[in-house]
Protein backbone atom coordinates (compact mmCIF):
# COMPACT_ATOMS: atom_id res chain seq x y z
CA UNK A 1 -0.06 0.11 -0.04
CA UNK A 2 2.79 2.41 0.89
CA UNK A 3 4.61 1.71 -2.39
CA UNK A 4 1.34 2.47 -4.22
CA UNK A 5 0.88 5.66 -2.44
CA UNK A 6 4.59 6.72 -3.16
CA UNK A 7 4.19 5.97 -6.82
CA UNK A 8 0.96 7.78 -7.13
CA UNK A 9 2.62 10.86 -5.37
CA UNK A 10 5.57 10.68 -7.84
CA UNK A 11 3.46 10.47 -10.91
CA UNK A 12 1.48 13.52 -9.79
CA UNK A 13 4.73 15.54 -8.70
CA UNK A 14 6.46 14.97 -12.08
CA UNK A 15 3.53 15.00 -14.44
CA UNK A 16 3.27 17.94 -16.64
CA UNK A 17 0.80 20.60 -15.63
CA UNK A 18 -1.89 21.46 -17.99
CA UNK A 19 -2.10 24.85 -19.26
CA UNK A 20 -5.27 26.81 -18.71
CA UNK A 21 -6.52 28.75 -21.77
CA UNK A 22 -6.53 32.16 -20.13
CA UNK A 23 -7.48 34.79 -21.38
CA UNK A 24 -10.50 33.33 -23.25
CA UNK A 25 -12.62 36.35 -23.08
CA UNK A 26 -11.87 40.13 -22.70
CA UNK A 27 -10.31 41.36 -19.64
CA UNK A 28 -11.97 44.46 -18.24
CA UNK A 29 -9.75 46.83 -16.55
CA UNK A 30 -11.62 49.08 -13.95
CA UNK A 31 -10.32 52.67 -13.78
CA UNK A 32 -11.99 53.81 -10.59
CA UNK A 33 -12.05 57.45 -11.95
CA UNK A 34 -13.66 59.49 -14.78
CA UNK A 35 -12.73 59.46 -18.27
CA UNK A 36 -10.00 61.95 -19.20
CA UNK A 37 -8.61 62.07 -15.62
CA UNK A 38 -4.82 61.49 -15.27
CA UNK A 39 -5.45 58.13 -13.82
CA UNK A 40 -7.58 57.26 -16.76
CA UNK A 41 -4.78 58.21 -19.37
CA UNK A 42 -2.30 56.26 -17.41
CA UNK A 43 -4.63 53.25 -17.43
CA UNK A 44 -5.23 53.39 -21.10
CA UNK A 45 -1.48 53.51 -21.76
CA UNK A 46 -0.79 50.30 -19.52
CA UNK A 47 -3.97 48.68 -21.15
CA UNK A 48 -2.52 49.07 -24.49
CA UNK A 49 0.71 47.58 -23.73
CA UNK A 50 -0.84 44.77 -21.84
CA UNK A 51 -3.03 43.78 -24.81
CA UNK A 52 0.20 43.75 -26.87
CA UNK A 53 1.72 41.41 -24.43
CA UNK A 54 -1.27 39.06 -23.89
CA UNK A 55 -2.39 39.38 -27.54
CA UNK A 56 -5.86 39.83 -26.24
CA UNK A 57 -8.12 42.76 -26.04
CA UNK A 58 -8.58 44.76 -22.77
CA UNK A 59 -11.87 46.60 -22.15
CA UNK A 60 -11.68 50.06 -20.03
CA UNK A 61 -14.51 50.74 -17.80
CA UNK A 62 -14.60 53.98 -15.99
CA UNK A 63 -16.50 54.00 -12.64
CA UNK A 64 -15.92 57.28 -10.91
CA UNK A 65 -17.16 58.22 -7.66
CA UNK A 66 -16.42 58.22 -3.75
CA UNK A 67 -12.85 58.98 -4.43
CA UNK A 68 -12.45 55.78 -6.64
CA UNK A 69 -14.23 53.66 -3.95
CA UNK A 70 -17.09 52.63 -6.13
CA UNK A 71 -15.10 51.04 -8.92
CA UNK A 72 -12.61 49.35 -6.00
CA UNK A 73 -15.89 47.90 -4.38
CA UNK A 74 -17.17 46.55 -7.81
CA UNK A 75 -13.92 44.73 -8.55
CA UNK A 76 -13.56 43.56 -4.90
CA UNK A 77 -17.18 41.98 -5.10
CA UNK A 78 -16.62 40.60 -8.59
CA UNK A 79 -15.82 36.94 -9.60
CA UNK A 80 -12.20 35.84 -8.68
CA UNK A 81 -11.69 34.79 -12.20
CA UNK A 82 -8.93 37.09 -13.05
CA UNK A 83 -10.87 38.86 -15.95
CA UNK A 84 -11.49 42.20 -14.02
CA UNK A 85 -8.68 43.90 -12.69
CA UNK A 86 -8.49 47.50 -10.80
CA UNK A 87 -6.55 50.46 -11.90
CA UNK A 88 -6.48 53.40 -9.60
CA UNK A 89 -4.28 55.15 -7.10
CA UNK A 90 -3.20 54.13 -3.60
CA UNK A 91 -6.49 55.24 -2.03
CA UNK A 92 -8.43 52.63 -4.14
CA UNK A 93 -5.88 49.99 -3.30
CA UNK A 94 -6.14 50.41 0.57
CA UNK A 95 -9.80 50.98 1.43
CA UNK A 96 -11.41 50.64 4.65
CA UNK A 97 -13.23 47.66 5.83
CA UNK A 98 -16.58 49.52 6.03
CA UNK A 99 -17.44 48.61 2.30
């Protein structure tokens, strides 16, 4: 029994990992400030470069309000699948626990 368990562990340990097909749909970059702001401009520059590197489209969604907290809360409560990312400033990355 012990040899079988060790063999199974060895096979699982050294078998090649299966690559996931990511991204398979557009990535949404949530910019937590209004369109035309300096953070929006920086987000668009970074999104363009990310799209080049990933070879996939990145959709920018501007959600302003409450100093960026509305967009940050939307991303925090979104699905943890990696298709929604937040771009903001230090205030949106370190929000209070009252949300």
